[in-house]
């Protein structure tokens, strides 16, 4: 069965999927998908929104990085701690998936994209404020435990890592957040970890 991840190396959204594939020790092909590829009819057939990442796993085609994380956890690590089965554990993970798509996306991620690639339309003061808000939340919660959603790593940590770790690229300093920096180091120490390039 051929497994293909469509994305770009500098995309934090694609990195979430890459990282989890590596953490699960799953083989895959990486299909570089810059803007011209994403505008093609072939790509739009996989994701009409033209967004990355897209995962092809045999006959399964999935868009959206968080959906891909859920799929990989359910298909290749069923019953594992990556996505808890119990209602409270599952809800705690979902909370952070929402943060990844909300405050992290419009905070650290938007600041990084605006600084490095193009104007996202998110005003800098807003992205800075959202970054401070979510990093403050993470700092407080990580003071009580090692991982975002509980005592062990979950897809919540995978979803939040990429843009938080690369927040300084958008002018957002992590110096005020020692617990967040320690959590980044713990993620990077996980067996199979693969980094997102800084350049």
Protein backbone atom coordinates (compact mmCIF):
# COMPACT_ATOMS: atom_id res chain seq x y z
CA UNK A 1 0.00 0.00 0.00
CA UNK A 2 1.35 3.39 -0.97
CA UNK A 3 1.17 6.14 1.63
CA UNK A 4 1.80 9.67 0.35
CA UNK A 5 1.85 12.92 2.30
CA UNK A 6 1.39 16.05 0.21
CA UNK A 7 2.81 19.21 1.76
CA UNK A 8 5.81 21.49 1.97
CA UNK A 9 8.77 21.14 4.31
CA UNK A 10 8.23 24.56 5.89
CA UNK A 11 4.52 24.11 6.56
CA UNK A 12 3.73 23.59 10.23
CA UNK A 13 0.46 21.94 9.27
CA UNK A 14 2.28 19.42 7.08
CA UNK A 15 4.90 18.98 9.78
CA UNK A 16 2.24 17.82 12.25
CA UNK A 17 1.41 14.96 9.92
CA UNK A 18 5.08 14.22 9.11
CA UNK A 19 5.97 14.20 12.78
CA UNK A 20 3.21 11.78 13.71
CA UNK A 21 4.01 9.46 10.82
CA UNK A 22 7.58 9.30 12.15
CA UNK A 23 6.49 8.85 15.75
CA UNK A 24 4.36 5.91 14.64
CA UNK A 25 7.26 4.60 12.52
CA UNK A 26 5.08 4.56 9.38
CA UNK A 27 6.72 4.68 5.98
CA UNK A 28 5.49 7.22 3.45
CA UNK A 29 6.44 9.23 0.41
CA UNK A 30 6.56 13.01 0.68
CA UNK A 31 5.12 14.87 -2.31
CA UNK A 32 6.27 18.48 -2.33
CA UNK A 33 3.21 20.62 -3.05
CA UNK A 34 3.99 24.32 -3.57
CA UNK A 35 1.32 26.78 -4.67
CA UNK A 36 1.32 25.82 -8.35
CA UNK A 37 0.74 22.17 -7.45
CA UNK A 38 -2.01 23.05 -5.00
CA UNK A 39 -3.79 25.01 -7.74
CA UNK A 40 -3.75 22.05 -10.12
CA UNK A 41 -6.88 20.08 -10.97
CA UNK A 42 -5.27 16.89 -9.68
CA UNK A 43 -4.60 18.39 -6.26
CA UNK A 44 -8.01 20.09 -6.08
CA UNK A 45 -9.58 16.69 -6.71
CA UNK A 46 -7.99 15.57 -3.42
CA UNK A 47 -8.75 18.78 -1.54
CA UNK A 48 -11.02 21.34 -3.22
CA UNK A 49 -9.71 24.01 -0.82
CA UNK A 50 -6.20 23.57 -2.21
CA UNK A 51 -4.69 23.33 1.26
CA UNK A 52 -1.94 21.13 2.67
CA UNK A 53 -1.43 18.62 4.03
CA UNK A 54 -3.28 15.86 2.21
CA UNK A 55 -2.66 12.24 3.11
CA UNK A 56 -3.22 9.40 0.67
CA UNK A 57 -3.26 6.07 2.48
CA UNK A 58 -4.24 3.44 -0.03
CA UNK A 59 -7.80 4.30 -1.05
CA UNK A 60 -8.20 6.80 1.80
CA UNK A 61 -7.63 10.48 0.98
CA UNK A 62 -7.72 12.94 3.87
CA UNK A 63 -7.19 16.68 4.15
CA UNK A 64 -6.70 18.76 7.33
CA UNK A 65 -3.76 18.15 9.63
CA UNK A 66 -5.79 17.48 12.77
CA UNK A 67 -8.08 15.07 10.92
CA UNK A 68 -4.99 13.26 9.67
CA UNK A 69 -3.66 12.95 13.24
CA UNK A 70 -6.95 11.46 14.43
CA UNK A 71 -7.05 9.05 11.50
CA UNK A 72 -3.48 7.86 12.00
CA UNK A 73 -4.01 7.36 15.74
CA UNK A 74 -7.24 5.42 15.22
CA UNK A 75 -5.96 3.31 12.33
CA UNK A 76 -2.38 2.60 13.35
CA UNK A 77 -2.35 3.03 17.13
CA UNK A 78 -5.86 1.99 18.24
CA UNK A 79 -6.34 1.96 21.98
CA UNK A 80 -3.06 3.79 22.54
CA UNK A 81 -2.45 6.86 24.64
CA UNK A 82 -2.04 8.98 21.50
CA UNK A 83 -5.83 9.40 21.38
CA UNK A 84 -7.51 8.25 24.59
CA UNK A 85 -10.72 6.26 24.41
CA UNK A 86 -12.13 7.52 27.70
CA UNK A 87 -14.44 10.56 27.46
CA UNK A 88 -12.36 12.88 29.63
CA UNK A 89 -9.07 11.99 27.97
CA UNK A 90 -10.55 12.35 24.49
CA UNK A 91 -12.08 15.71 25.42
CA UNK A 92 -8.76 16.99 26.78
CA UNK A 93 -7.08 16.11 23.49
CA UNK A 94 -9.86 17.74 21.48
CA UNK A 95 -9.49 20.92 23.51
CA UNK A 96 -5.89 21.26 22.34
CA UNK A 97 -6.72 20.35 18.75
CA UNK A 98 -9.11 23.31 18.91
CA UNK A 99 -6.36 25.51 20.33
CA UNK A 100 -4.09 24.41 17.47
CA UNK A 101 -6.76 25.48 14.96
CA UNK A 102 -7.60 28.64 16.90
CA UNK A 103 -5.20 30.65 19.04
CA UNK A 104 -2.08 28.84 17.78
CA UNK A 105 -3.13 29.20 14.15
CA UNK A 106 -3.97 32.90 14.42
CA UNK A 107 -1.22 33.63 16.96
CA UNK A 108 2.22 32.04 16.54
CA UNK A 109 1.47 30.50 13.13
CA UNK A 110 0.10 33.71 11.59
CA UNK A 111 3.01 35.72 12.99
CA UNK A 112 5.51 33.27 11.47
CA UNK A 113 3.82 33.18 8.07
CA UNK A 114 3.54 36.98 7.95
CA UNK A 115 7.21 37.39 8.89
CA UNK A 116 8.54 34.73 6.52
CA UNK A 117 6.20 34.23 3.59
CA UNK A 118 3.22 36.53 2.96
CA UNK A 119 0.69 38.77 4.68
CA UNK A 120 -1.90 36.55 6.33
CA UNK A 121 -4.31 39.42 6.93
CA UNK A 122 -4.04 38.88 10.68
CA UNK A 123 -2.87 42.19 12.20
CA UNK A 124 0.44 41.83 14.04
CA UNK A 125 -0.97 43.12 17.37
CA UNK A 126 -3.71 40.49 17.21
CA UNK A 127 -1.35 37.61 16.42
CA UNK A 128 0.98 38.78 19.22
CA UNK A 129 -1.93 38.99 21.67
CA UNK A 130 -3.25 35.56 20.73
CA UNK A 131 0.24 34.08 21.00
CA UNK A 132 0.69 35.53 24.48
CA UNK A 133 -2.71 34.19 25.47
CA UNK A 134 -2.14 30.62 24.34
CA UNK A 135 1.49 30.49 25.48
CA UNK A 136 0.39 31.74 28.90
CA UNK A 137 -2.26 29.02 29.02
CA UNK A 138 0.27 26.38 28.05
CA UNK A 139 2.81 27.67 30.57
CA UNK A 140 0.30 27.41 33.41
CA UNK A 141 -0.92 23.95 32.50
CA UNK A 142 2.54 22.54 31.81
CA UNK A 143 3.61 23.63 35.28
CA UNK A 144 1.37 20.86 36.60
CA UNK A 145 2.18 18.08 34.10
CA UNK A 146 4.64 17.16 31.37
CA UNK A 147 2.18 16.95 28.46
CA UNK A 148 -0.70 19.09 27.30
CA UNK A 149 -3.56 16.64 27.74
CA UNK A 150 -2.30 14.43 30.53
CA UNK A 151 0.57 12.36 31.88
CA UNK A 152 1.75 11.02 28.50
CA UNK A 153 2.17 12.48 25.01
CA UNK A 154 -0.91 12.56 22.78
CA UNK A 155 -1.79 13.96 19.39
CA UNK A 156 -2.53 17.20 21.26
CA UNK A 157 1.22 17.66 21.70
CA UNK A 158 1.86 16.78 18.05
CA UNK A 159 -0.77 19.29 16.87
CA UNK A 160 0.57 22.15 18.97
CA UNK A 161 4.32 21.58 18.70
CA UNK A 162 5.31 22.83 15.23
CA UNK A 163 4.12 26.43 15.37
CA UNK A 164 4.89 26.89 19.07
CA UNK A 165 8.46 25.63 18.64
CA UNK A 166 8.95 27.95 15.66
CA UNK A 167 7.20 30.95 17.23
CA UNK A 168 10.46 32.97 17.38
CA UNK A 169 10.49 33.00 13.56
CA UNK A 170 7.45 35.26 13.84
CA UNK A 171 9.01 37.52 16.45
CA UNK A 172 7.36 35.78 19.40
CA UNK A 173 9.89 35.12 22.14
CA UNK A 174 9.68 31.94 24.17
CA UNK A 175 12.04 33.21 26.89
CA UNK A 176 9.15 34.10 29.24
CA UNK A 177 7.81 30.53 29.05
CA UNK A 178 10.23 28.05 30.65
CA UNK A 179 7.59 25.34 30.98
CA UNK A 180 6.76 25.62 27.28
CA UNK A 181 10.45 25.43 26.38
CA UNK A 182 10.85 22.33 28.55
CA UNK A 183 7.82 20.76 26.83
CA UNK A 184 9.34 21.51 23.40
CA UNK A 185 12.48 19.67 24.52
CA UNK A 186 10.38 16.70 25.67
CA UNK A 187 8.63 16.50 22.30
CA UNK A 188 11.98 16.68 20.52
CA UNK A 189 13.26 13.82 22.68
CA UNK A 190 10.46 11.45 21.62
CA UNK A 191 11.70 8.40 19.66
CA UNK A 192 11.23 9.04 15.97
CA UNK A 193 11.04 12.83 16.27
CA UNK A 194 11.70 14.70 13.03
CA UNK A 195 12.28 18.44 12.95
CA UNK A 196 10.64 21.04 10.75
CA UNK A 197 13.36 22.98 8.90
CA UNK A 198 13.93 26.50 10.07
CA UNK A 199 14.92 27.66 6.59
